[in-house]
Structures are given as C-alpha cells and as structure tokens.
Amino acid sequence: MRKIFKYLVIMSLFVGLFYLYNKNQISSFKSQNIRIYSNKINNSIKITQISDFHSNYHINLQDLINEIEDFDPDFIALTGDMIDRKDDNLEITLNLFKALSKLNKEIYFIYGNHEVGHMLYDKYTKEINDIGINILDNDYVTIKVDDENINIIGFKYAYFEYENLAQYERIQGDINLEYYNLLLIHSPDNVETLLNGSEDLILSGHTHGGQIRLPLIGPIVAPGQGFFPKYDKGIFKIDNSTLYIDSGLGNSLAPLRAFNPVQISNITIEATK
C-alpha cells in the first residue's frame, strides 16, 4: 500500500511539473529574429509575422505589443488561423487586432483553415475590415517601403491546390515581377505546386512547428503533413525562393507543446552583402 502511495505521489508530481512546463510553452512567447538577404533591394525591410494565434488567452497582449513596438516593423503580416474553429468567442483575437491597429502600421491578413471553416466567418470578416486591417483574399497590393517596391500577395487557405493556382496565374499577369515579391500563404503543404520562381519570400504558418519537438529527433507531427513533417518551422530554400514558416502563437486541438514555445517572428530583409 505504501509503495502504491509513493507511485501516486511521484506521478502527481510529474503531471504537475508537465502542466507548469506546458503552460509556460503556450504562454511565454519568444520573438524569433530572422534575417533574410536579397539582391533585389537596397534598403532593409522589416516585417513582424504573427501566425496561428488560435485565440490564445494565455498571451499577455501588452507584452506582445511592446515587443513589436521595440522592433518597429514597416508592416505586420498575419498568416492565418488567428481564431479557432471550435471557439465562437472572437473577442480574444479581435482585442489583439485592435491593439495591433494602434501601432499605426499597415497590417495584412490572410485566412487560414480555421477561419475558412468558422461559423462566424462573415461577422469575423466585417470586424477585421472595421478595425482597418487589409484582407488579402486571393489578391495583392503593391506598397513602397522607403525606395523599395514590394508586391504582397495573399491567399486564402484552399483545400485543393488548384483553387489557388488559377488565381495566382491571374495575379502574376498583373504585377511587376521586377519588384520584391512577398507571398503570404497559410499552409506550406505542397507549396512547390504553387511556386513559379518569381517569389522572393514566402511567409507561412499552419504547422505549429511540429508542436512537440524532441531533442535529436525534431518535430513529431504537423497539421496536414502528419508525422515527422518536412516543413516544420524556420527557413527553407526552394530553388531561388525562400520559405519561412512561423511556428505560431497558439495551439489547436491538444494544447500541448514541448521544446517549442509559442512565438512571433521579427523579420529583417537586407540587401545581399
């Protein structure tokens, strides 16, 4: 009986420690500072990317805003799944959007799969527009940062790749490909089927960084890719294009992370040295 009691105490301690560790992983966000080089620009471009927030109420919004304010990006990219499909409370995410809007930076948003399938999609879209955030729904905008011309192309999450392919071909015919081309796409799954070599940088999310990462093994599972995903998080080269995957500021389904804290990405694009 005493031995069983000891085992129960040890198990309780283990469960308690894991709970505290996991809570830290989903509440104490990291800021990833990323540098990317390009021979198409002369001046630096600074972008803050936020992805897969999933209405994470554990995040201290003021700390997040302070971090972004210190980085002072030229604009902010929101790469989808900012709400969670199973949650009908939009306020947590809308409060984040309102706080971001007070930074007086242009914000560009794309839909992820949790937005596309959400019961409050229309209401959510209206709220985003009312806040003043730019929705890129299979569309693009050309902006100027200092003397740099940038095409920002944004795609709604599509369950079939060809849904985006036809739209992308249309956009490619409209834009000046000599400009710096930034593609926002929620999921990196099968991203190669969409690319044609004109993309300088692709910003993506969806994977949650593999959610649970083990030392010497790496990412365990990612949405859409299954076990041991090829594209988990970080920088990948695809021919002449650079793919960057942010591992997200929240979780869906199981709220578990290990060796993979929630994050935002502060990205600086610089002229090739």
C-alpha atoms as a PDB file:
ATOM      1  CA  MET A   1       0.000   0.000   0.000  1.00  0.00           C
ATOM      2  CA  ARG A   2       2.832   2.377   0.907  1.00  0.00           C
ATOM      3  CA  LYS A   3       4.569   1.604  -2.411  1.00  0.00           C
ATOM      4  CA  ILE A   4       1.398   2.416  -4.368  1.00  0.00           C
ATOM      5  CA  PHE A   5       1.082   5.685  -2.471  1.00  0.00           C
ATOM      6  CA  LYS A   6       4.674   6.612  -3.397  1.00  0.00           C
ATOM      7  CA  TYR A   7       3.981   5.869  -7.052  1.00  0.00           C
ATOM      8  CA  LEU A   8       0.870   8.044  -6.961  1.00  0.00           C
ATOM      9  CA  VAL A   9       2.817  10.911  -5.374  1.00  0.00           C
ATOM     10  CA  ILE A  10       5.571  10.645  -7.993  1.00  0.00           C
ATOM     11  CA  MET A  11       3.027  10.527 -10.830  1.00  0.00           C
ATOM     12  CA  SER A  12       1.177  13.523  -9.406  1.00  0.00           C
ATOM     13  CA  LEU A  13       4.422  15.489  -9.199  1.00  0.00           C
ATOM     14  CA  PHE A  14       5.298  14.523 -12.769  1.00  0.00           C
ATOM     15  CA  VAL A  15       1.868  15.569 -14.063  1.00  0.00           C
ATOM     16  CA  GLY A  16       2.054  18.840 -12.125  1.00  0.00           C
ATOM     17  CA  LEU A  17       5.524  19.675 -13.435  1.00  0.00           C
ATOM     18  CA  PHE A  18       4.494  18.882 -17.005  1.00  0.00           C
ATOM     19  CA  TYR A  19       1.407  21.076 -16.624  1.00  0.00           C
ATOM     20  CA  LEU A  20       3.547  24.016 -15.474  1.00  0.00           C
ATOM     21  CA  TYR A  21       6.109  23.409 -18.233  1.00  0.00           C
ATOM     22  CA  ASN A  22       3.432  23.188 -20.922  1.00  0.00           C
ATOM     23  CA  LYS A  23       1.660  26.309 -19.654  1.00  0.00           C
ATOM     24  CA  ASN A  24       4.965  28.151 -19.971  1.00  0.00           C
ATOM     25  CA  GLN A  25       5.357  26.850 -23.540  1.00  0.00           C
ATOM     26  CA  ILE A  26       1.951  28.216 -24.603  1.00  0.00           C
ATOM     27  CA  SER A  27       2.005  31.490 -22.639  1.00  0.00           C
ATOM     28  CA  SER A  28       5.592  32.810 -22.628  1.00  0.00           C
ATOM     29  CA  PHE A  29       6.127  33.736 -26.259  1.00  0.00           C
ATOM     30  CA  LYS A  30       9.510  34.074 -27.941  1.00  0.00           C
ATOM     31  CA  SER A  31      10.469  36.632 -30.568  1.00  0.00           C
ATOM     32  CA  GLN A  32      12.397  35.000 -33.373  1.00  0.00           C
ATOM     33  CA  ASN A  33      14.729  37.480 -35.047  1.00  0.00           C
ATOM     34  CA  ILE A  34      15.166  36.396 -38.654  1.00  0.00           C
ATOM     35  CA  ARG A  35      17.489  37.862 -41.288  1.00  0.00           C
ATOM     36  CA  ILE A  36      16.964  37.198 -44.972  1.00  0.00           C
ATOM     37  CA  TYR A  37      19.109  38.576 -47.786  1.00  0.00           C
ATOM     38  CA  SER A  38      18.100  39.671 -51.274  1.00  0.00           C
ATOM     39  CA  ASN A  39      19.860  41.189 -54.276  1.00  0.00           C
ATOM     40  CA  LYS A  40      16.593  42.893 -55.349  1.00  0.00           C
ATOM     41  CA  ILE A  41      16.632  45.543 -52.619  1.00  0.00           C
ATOM     42  CA  ASN A  42      18.989  48.267 -51.448  1.00  0.00           C
ATOM     43  CA  ASN A  43      17.299  49.210 -48.171  1.00  0.00           C
ATOM     44  CA  SER A  44      16.167  46.927 -45.365  1.00  0.00           C
ATOM     45  CA  ILE A  45      12.524  45.882 -44.966  1.00  0.00           C
ATOM     46  CA  LYS A  46      11.192  44.917 -41.538  1.00  0.00           C
ATOM     47  CA  ILE A  47       8.163  42.648 -41.078  1.00  0.00           C
ATOM     48  CA  THR A  48       6.522  41.244 -37.982  1.00  0.00           C
ATOM     49  CA  GLN A  49       4.768  37.951 -38.716  1.00  0.00           C
ATOM     50  CA  ILE A  50       2.090  36.538 -36.409  1.00  0.00           C
ATOM     51  CA  SER A  51       0.506  33.199 -37.215  1.00  0.00           C
ATOM     52  CA  ASP A  52      -1.799  30.594 -35.661  1.00  0.00           C
ATOM     53  CA  PHE A  53      -2.849  32.626 -32.628  1.00  0.00           C
ATOM     54  CA  HIS A  54      -5.899  30.368 -32.171  1.00  0.00           C
ATOM     55  CA  SER A  55      -7.444  32.824 -29.679  1.00  0.00           C
ATOM     56  CA  ASN A  56      -4.683  32.088 -27.161  1.00  0.00           C
ATOM     57  CA  TYR A  57      -5.922  33.748 -23.967  1.00  0.00           C
ATOM     58  CA  HIS A  58      -2.660  32.878 -22.173  1.00  0.00           C
ATOM     59  CA  ILE A  59      -0.724  35.557 -24.083  1.00  0.00           C
ATOM     60  CA  ASN A  60      -0.077  38.880 -22.362  1.00  0.00           C
ATOM     61  CA  LEU A  61      -1.152  41.315 -25.084  1.00  0.00           C
ATOM     62  CA  GLN A  62       0.713  44.280 -23.637  1.00  0.00           C
ATOM     63  CA  ASP A  63       3.996  42.342 -23.595  1.00  0.00           C
ATOM     64  CA  LEU A  64       3.352  41.317 -27.189  1.00  0.00           C
ATOM     65  CA  ILE A  65       2.631  44.873 -28.317  1.00  0.00           C
ATOM     66  CA  ASN A  66       5.728  46.162 -26.507  1.00  0.00           C
ATOM     67  CA  GLU A  67       7.881  43.581 -28.300  1.00  0.00           C
ATOM     68  CA  ILE A  68       6.533  44.583 -31.715  1.00  0.00           C
ATOM     69  CA  GLU A  69       6.825  48.273 -30.903  1.00  0.00           C
ATOM     70  CA  ASP A  70      10.501  47.816 -29.995  1.00  0.00           C
ATOM     71  CA  PHE A  71      11.167  46.077 -33.323  1.00  0.00           C
ATOM     72  CA  ASP A  72       9.301  48.829 -35.205  1.00  0.00           C
ATOM     73  CA  PRO A  73       8.349  46.882 -38.350  1.00  0.00           C
ATOM     74  CA  ASP A  74       7.439  48.517 -41.641  1.00  0.00           C
ATOM     75  CA  PHE A  75       4.285  46.378 -41.674  1.00  0.00           C
ATOM     76  CA  ILE A  76       2.701  43.364 -39.982  1.00  0.00           C
ATOM     77  CA  ALA A  77       1.710  40.081 -41.666  1.00  0.00           C
ATOM     78  CA  LEU A  78      -0.980  37.880 -40.102  1.00  0.00           C
ATOM     79  CA  THR A  79      -0.732  34.486 -41.783  1.00  0.00           C
ATOM     80  CA  GLY A  80      -3.967  32.805 -40.737  1.00  0.00           C
ATOM     81  CA  ASP A  81      -5.688  30.775 -38.009  1.00  0.00           C
ATOM     82  CA  MET A  82      -5.893  33.746 -35.700  1.00  0.00           C
ATOM     83  CA  ILE A  83      -9.148  32.284 -34.362  1.00  0.00           C
ATOM     84  CA  ASP A  84     -10.001  28.674 -33.574  1.00  0.00           C
ATOM     85  CA  ARG A  85     -12.743  26.795 -35.387  1.00  0.00           C
ATOM     86  CA  LYS A  86     -14.147  25.245 -32.215  1.00  0.00           C
ATOM     87  CA  ASP A  87     -14.397  28.577 -30.354  1.00  0.00           C
ATOM     88  CA  ASP A  88     -17.230  31.027 -31.069  1.00  0.00           C
ATOM     89  CA  ASN A  89     -15.678  33.762 -28.900  1.00  0.00           C
ATOM     90  CA  LEU A  90     -13.983  36.202 -31.279  1.00  0.00           C
ATOM     91  CA  GLU A  91     -13.130  38.798 -28.638  1.00  0.00           C
ATOM     92  CA  ILE A  92      -9.680  37.483 -27.685  1.00  0.00           C
ATOM     93  CA  THR A  93      -8.491  37.726 -31.276  1.00  0.00           C
ATOM     94  CA  LEU A  94     -10.306  40.984 -32.010  1.00  0.00           C
ATOM     95  CA  ASN A  95      -8.670  42.537 -28.939  1.00  0.00           C
ATOM     96  CA  LEU A  96      -5.297  41.548 -30.389  1.00  0.00           C
ATOM     97  CA  PHE A  97      -6.225  43.108 -33.742  1.00  0.00           C
ATOM     98  CA  LYS A  98      -7.358  46.332 -32.078  1.00  0.00           C
ATOM     99  CA  ALA A  99      -4.119  46.537 -30.095  1.00  0.00           C
ATOM    100  CA  LEU A 100      -2.063  45.962 -33.254  1.00  0.00           C
ATOM    101  CA  SER A 101      -4.004  48.657 -35.118  1.00  0.00           C
ATOM    102  CA  LYS A 102      -2.939  51.226 -32.514  1.00  0.00           C
ATOM    103  CA  LEU A 103       0.684  50.752 -33.603  1.00  0.00           C
ATOM    104  CA  ASN A 104      -0.199  52.694 -36.771  1.00  0.00           C
ATOM    105  CA  LYS A 105       1.370  50.097 -39.045  1.00  0.00           C
ATOM    106  CA  GLU A 106      -0.207  48.619 -42.140  1.00  0.00           C
ATOM    107  CA  ILE A 107      -1.455  45.116 -41.345  1.00  0.00           C
ATOM    108  CA  TYR A 108      -2.015  42.428 -43.989  1.00  0.00           C
ATOM    109  CA  PHE A 109      -4.151  39.407 -43.136  1.00  0.00           C
ATOM    110  CA  ILE A 110      -4.880  36.098 -44.863  1.00  0.00           C
ATOM    111  CA  TYR A 111      -7.425  33.421 -43.926  1.00  0.00           C
ATOM    112  CA  GLY A 112      -6.295  30.067 -42.520  1.00  0.00           C
ATOM    113  CA  ASN A 113      -8.283  26.845 -42.444  1.00  0.00           C
ATOM    114  CA  HIS A 114      -9.782  27.660 -39.031  1.00  0.00           C
ATOM    115  CA  GLU A 115     -11.159  30.918 -40.431  1.00  0.00           C
ATOM    116  CA  VAL A 116     -12.451  29.459 -43.687  1.00  0.00           C
ATOM    117  CA  GLY A 117     -14.493  26.852 -41.828  1.00  0.00           C
ATOM    118  CA  HIS A 118     -15.654  29.064 -38.966  1.00  0.00           C
ATOM    119  CA  MET A 119     -19.358  29.513 -38.155  1.00  0.00           C
ATOM    120  CA  LEU A 120     -18.831  33.275 -37.638  1.00  0.00           C
ATOM    121  CA  TYR A 121     -16.805  33.839 -40.820  1.00  0.00           C
ATOM    122  CA  ASP A 122     -18.924  36.761 -42.079  1.00  0.00           C
ATOM    123  CA  LYS A 123     -19.019  38.527 -38.714  1.00  0.00           C
ATOM    124  CA  TYR A 124     -15.276  37.991 -38.282  1.00  0.00           C
ATOM    125  CA  THR A 125     -14.535  39.425 -41.719  1.00  0.00           C
ATOM    126  CA  LYS A 126     -16.661  42.503 -41.015  1.00  0.00           C
ATOM    127  CA  GLU A 127     -14.884  43.092 -37.697  1.00  0.00           C
ATOM    128  CA  ILE A 128     -11.464  42.849 -39.365  1.00  0.00           C
ATOM    129  CA  ASN A 129     -12.499  45.376 -42.005  1.00  0.00           C
ATOM    130  CA  ASP A 130     -13.942  47.709 -39.356  1.00  0.00           C
ATOM    131  CA  ILE A 131     -10.645  47.650 -37.440  1.00  0.00           C
ATOM    132  CA  GLY A 132      -8.843  48.705 -40.614  1.00  0.00           C
ATOM    133  CA  ILE A 133      -6.818  45.583 -41.341  1.00  0.00           C
ATOM    134  CA  ASN A 134      -6.117  44.776 -45.005  1.00  0.00           C
ATOM    135  CA  ILE A 135      -7.526  41.381 -46.014  1.00  0.00           C
ATOM    136  CA  LEU A 136      -5.700  39.780 -48.928  1.00  0.00           C
ATOM    137  CA  ASP A 137      -8.219  37.234 -50.170  1.00  0.00           C
ATOM    138  CA  ASN A 138      -6.528  35.744 -53.251  1.00  0.00           C
ATOM    139  CA  ASP A 139      -5.370  39.243 -54.070  1.00  0.00           C
ATOM    140  CA  TYR A 140      -2.337  41.512 -53.891  1.00  0.00           C
ATOM    141  CA  VAL A 141      -1.243  45.012 -53.029  1.00  0.00           C
ATOM    142  CA  THR A 142       1.870  46.892 -54.133  1.00  0.00           C
ATOM    143  CA  ILE A 143       3.460  49.097 -51.485  1.00  0.00           C
ATOM    144  CA  LYS A 144       6.578  51.190 -51.155  1.00  0.00           C
ATOM    145  CA  VAL A 145       8.907  50.998 -48.141  1.00  0.00           C
ATOM    146  CA  ASP A 146      11.428  53.807 -48.399  1.00  0.00           C
ATOM    147  CA  ASP A 147      12.516  53.355 -52.030  1.00  0.00           C
ATOM    148  CA  GLU A 148      11.646  49.665 -52.252  1.00  0.00           C
ATOM    149  CA  ASN A 149       8.620  48.464 -54.240  1.00  0.00           C
ATOM    150  CA  ILE A 150       7.020  45.348 -52.764  1.00  0.00           C
ATOM    151  CA  ASN A 151       4.240  43.146 -54.109  1.00  0.00           C
ATOM    152  CA  ILE A 152       2.407  41.492 -51.202  1.00  0.00           C
ATOM    153  CA  ILE A 153       0.313  38.583 -52.466  1.00  0.00           C
ATOM    154  CA  GLY A 154      -2.067  36.859 -50.058  1.00  0.00           C
ATOM    155  CA  PHE A 155      -4.028  33.636 -50.404  1.00  0.00           C
ATOM    156  CA  LYS A 156      -6.985  32.245 -48.528  1.00  0.00           C
ATOM    157  CA  TYR A 157      -6.435  28.696 -47.312  1.00  0.00           C
ATOM    158  CA  ALA A 158      -7.628  26.323 -50.045  1.00  0.00           C
ATOM    159  CA  TYR A 159      -8.401  22.654 -49.514  1.00  0.00           C
ATOM    160  CA  PHE A 160      -7.413  21.941 -53.118  1.00  0.00           C
ATOM    161  CA  GLU A 161      -4.247  23.427 -54.582  1.00  0.00           C
ATOM    162  CA  TYR A 162      -5.809  24.257 -57.972  1.00  0.00           C
ATOM    163  CA  GLU A 163      -8.206  26.673 -56.252  1.00  0.00           C
ATOM    164  CA  ASN A 164      -5.251  28.957 -55.652  1.00  0.00           C
ATOM    165  CA  LEU A 165      -3.307  28.146 -58.802  1.00  0.00           C
ATOM    166  CA  ALA A 166      -5.702  29.835 -61.247  1.00  0.00           C
ATOM    167  CA  GLN A 167      -5.918  32.927 -59.037  1.00  0.00           C
ATOM    168  CA  TYR A 168      -2.139  33.053 -58.745  1.00  0.00           C
ATOM    169  CA  GLU A 169      -1.671  32.938 -62.502  1.00  0.00           C
ATOM    170  CA  ARG A 170      -4.077  35.891 -62.812  1.00  0.00           C
ATOM    171  CA  ILE A 171      -2.143  37.919 -60.230  1.00  0.00           C
ATOM    172  CA  GLN A 172       1.190  37.082 -61.866  1.00  0.00           C
ATOM    173  CA  GLY A 173      -0.089  38.696 -65.042  1.00  0.00           C
ATOM    174  CA  ASP A 174      -0.989  41.900 -63.189  1.00  0.00           C
ATOM    175  CA  ILE A 175       2.111  42.623 -61.112  1.00  0.00           C
ATOM    176  CA  ASN A 176       5.580  43.892 -61.918  1.00  0.00           C
ATOM    177  CA  LEU A 177       7.757  40.871 -61.204  1.00  0.00           C
ATOM    178  CA  GLU A 178      10.860  43.065 -61.017  1.00  0.00           C
ATOM    179  CA  TYR A 179       9.640  44.264 -57.614  1.00  0.00           C
ATOM    180  CA  TYR A 180      10.319  42.331 -54.422  1.00  0.00           C
ATOM    181  CA  ASN A 181       7.633  39.617 -54.299  1.00  0.00           C
ATOM    182  CA  LEU A 182       6.284  38.545 -50.904  1.00  0.00           C
ATOM    183  CA  LEU A 183       3.770  35.684 -50.821  1.00  0.00           C
ATOM    184  CA  LEU A 184       1.583  35.085 -47.749  1.00  0.00           C
ATOM    185  CA  ILE A 185       0.117  31.589 -47.685  1.00  0.00           C
ATOM    186  CA  HIS A 186      -1.202  29.878 -44.577  1.00  0.00           C
ATOM    187  CA  SER A 187      -0.030  26.321 -45.168  1.00  0.00           C
ATOM    188  CA  PRO A 188       3.289  25.175 -46.655  1.00  0.00           C
ATOM    189  CA  ASP A 189       1.744  21.820 -47.638  1.00  0.00           C
ATOM    190  CA  ASN A 190       2.573  21.143 -51.298  1.00  0.00           C
ATOM    191  CA  VAL A 191       3.825  24.720 -51.624  1.00  0.00           C
ATOM    192  CA  GLU A 192       6.059  23.710 -54.541  1.00  0.00           C
ATOM    193  CA  THR A 193       2.978  23.196 -56.743  1.00  0.00           C
ATOM    194  CA  LEU A 194       2.124  26.895 -56.451  1.00  0.00           C
ATOM    195  CA  LEU A 195       5.556  28.459 -56.911  1.00  0.00           C
ATOM    196  CA  ASN A 196       6.954  29.503 -60.273  1.00  0.00           C
ATOM    197  CA  GLY A 197      10.291  31.051 -59.281  1.00  0.00           C
ATOM    198  CA  SER A 198       9.195  34.692 -59.108  1.00  0.00           C
ATOM    199  CA  GLU A 199       8.647  34.571 -55.329  1.00  0.00           C
ATOM    200  CA  ASP A 200      11.404  36.136 -53.274  1.00  0.00           C
ATOM    201  CA  LEU A 201       9.969  35.283 -49.861  1.00  0.00           C
ATOM    202  CA  ILE A 202       7.042  33.113 -48.776  1.00  0.00           C
ATOM    203  CA  LEU A 203       5.685  33.537 -45.238  1.00  0.00           C
ATOM    204  CA  SER A 204       3.651  30.649 -43.896  1.00  0.00           C
ATOM    205  CA  GLY A 205       2.398  29.037 -40.689  1.00  0.00           C
ATOM    206  CA  HIS A 206      -0.078  26.191 -40.017  1.00  0.00           C
ATOM    207  CA  THR A 207       2.480  23.632 -38.772  1.00  0.00           C
ATOM    208  CA  HIS A 208       2.777  24.825 -35.149  1.00  0.00           C
ATOM    209  CA  GLY A 209       6.460  23.993 -35.555  1.00  0.00           C
ATOM    210  CA  GLY A 210       5.699  20.306 -35.178  1.00  0.00           C
ATOM    211  CA  GLN A 211       4.014  21.144 -31.854  1.00  0.00           C
ATOM    212  CA  ILE A 212       6.099  18.652 -29.860  1.00  0.00           C
ATOM    213  CA  ARG A 213       9.801  18.620 -30.734  1.00  0.00           C
ATOM    214  CA  LEU A 214      12.177  16.104 -29.214  1.00  0.00           C
ATOM    215  CA  PRO A 215      15.959  16.522 -28.879  1.00  0.00           C
ATOM    216  CA  LEU A 216      17.873  14.668 -31.634  1.00  0.00           C
ATOM    217  CA  ILE A 217      14.566  13.770 -33.316  1.00  0.00           C
ATOM    218  CA  GLY A 218      12.950  17.119 -34.128  1.00  0.00           C
ATOM    219  CA  PRO A 219       9.282  17.748 -34.934  1.00  0.00           C
ATOM    220  CA  ILE A 220       6.845  14.921 -34.245  1.00  0.00           C
ATOM    221  CA  VAL A 221       3.667  15.895 -36.106  1.00  0.00           C
ATOM    222  CA  ALA A 222       2.287  18.853 -38.071  1.00  0.00           C
ATOM    223  CA  PRO A 223      -1.229  19.556 -39.396  1.00  0.00           C
ATOM    224  CA  GLY A 224      -1.520  18.430 -42.998  1.00  0.00           C
ATOM    225  CA  GLN A 225       1.873  16.708 -43.089  1.00  0.00           C
ATOM    226  CA  GLY A 226       1.443  14.053 -40.433  1.00  0.00           C
ATOM    227  CA  PHE A 227       4.379  12.561 -38.572  1.00  0.00           C
ATOM    228  CA  PHE A 228       7.919  13.922 -38.960  1.00  0.00           C
ATOM    229  CA  PRO A 229       6.997  16.806 -41.284  1.00  0.00           C
ATOM    230  CA  LYS A 230       9.340  18.041 -43.988  1.00  0.00           C
ATOM    231  CA  TYR A 231       8.332  21.665 -43.450  1.00  0.00           C
ATOM    232  CA  ASP A 232       8.083  22.342 -39.724  1.00  0.00           C
ATOM    233  CA  LYS A 233       9.428  25.809 -38.930  1.00  0.00           C
ATOM    234  CA  GLY A 234      12.233  28.143 -39.918  1.00  0.00           C
ATOM    235  CA  ILE A 235      13.896  28.897 -43.253  1.00  0.00           C
ATOM    236  CA  PHE A 236      13.805  26.606 -46.289  1.00  0.00           C
ATOM    237  CA  LYS A 237      15.233  27.236 -49.757  1.00  0.00           C
ATOM    238  CA  ILE A 238      13.062  26.190 -52.691  1.00  0.00           C
ATOM    239  CA  ASP A 239      15.047  26.864 -55.849  1.00  0.00           C
ATOM    240  CA  ASN A 240      15.567  30.658 -55.836  1.00  0.00           C
ATOM    241  CA  SER A 241      12.793  31.352 -53.322  1.00  0.00           C
ATOM    242  CA  THR A 242      12.954  31.480 -49.528  1.00  0.00           C
ATOM    243  CA  LEU A 243      10.171  29.875 -47.484  1.00  0.00           C
ATOM    244  CA  TYR A 244       9.875  30.928 -43.848  1.00  0.00           C
ATOM    245  CA  ILE A 245       7.463  29.101 -41.524  1.00  0.00           C
ATOM    246  CA  ASP A 246       6.471  30.654 -38.208  1.00  0.00           C
ATOM    247  CA  SER A 247       5.563  28.066 -35.557  1.00  0.00           C
ATOM    248  CA  GLY A 248       2.645  30.082 -34.228  1.00  0.00           C
ATOM    249  CA  LEU A 249       1.397  31.942 -31.193  1.00  0.00           C
ATOM    250  CA  GLY A 250      -1.151  29.353 -30.090  1.00  0.00           C
ATOM    251  CA  ASN A 251      -2.426  25.796 -30.396  1.00  0.00           C
ATOM    252  CA  SER A 252      -5.463  23.946 -31.644  1.00  0.00           C
ATOM    253  CA  LEU A 253      -6.905  20.590 -30.615  1.00  0.00           C
ATOM    254  CA  ALA A 254      -4.470  19.440 -27.896  1.00  0.00           C
ATOM    255  CA  PRO A 255      -2.926  22.448 -26.090  1.00  0.00           C
ATOM    256  CA  LEU A 256       0.457  20.741 -25.859  1.00  0.00           C
ATOM    257  CA  ARG A 257       3.915  21.956 -26.782  1.00  0.00           C
ATOM    258  CA  ALA A 258       7.356  20.672 -25.872  1.00  0.00           C
ATOM    259  CA  PHE A 259      10.724  22.257 -26.720  1.00  0.00           C
ATOM    260  CA  ASN A 260       8.701  24.540 -28.963  1.00  0.00           C
ATOM    261  CA  PRO A 261       7.355  27.683 -27.249  1.00  0.00           C
ATOM    262  CA  VAL A 262       4.810  29.899 -28.953  1.00  0.00           C
ATOM    263  CA  GLN A 263       6.367  32.759 -30.894  1.00  0.00           C
ATOM    264  CA  ILE A 264       6.188  35.696 -33.252  1.00  0.00           C
ATOM    265  CA  SER A 265       8.767  36.430 -35.940  1.00  0.00           C
ATOM    266  CA  ASN A 266      10.541  39.741 -36.452  1.00  0.00           C
ATOM    267  CA  ILE A 267      11.968  39.501 -39.952  1.00  0.00           C
ATOM    268  CA  THR A 268      14.552  41.822 -41.480  1.00  0.00           C
ATOM    269  CA  ILE A 269      15.181  41.590 -45.219  1.00  0.00           C
ATOM    270  CA  GLU A 270      18.533  43.105 -46.134  1.00  0.00           C
ATOM    271  CA  ALA A 271      20.492  43.719 -49.304  1.00  0.00           C
ATOM    272  CA  THR A 272      22.858  40.891 -50.164  1.00  0.00           C
ATOM    273  CA  LYS A 273      26.326  41.750 -48.879  1.00  0.00           C
END
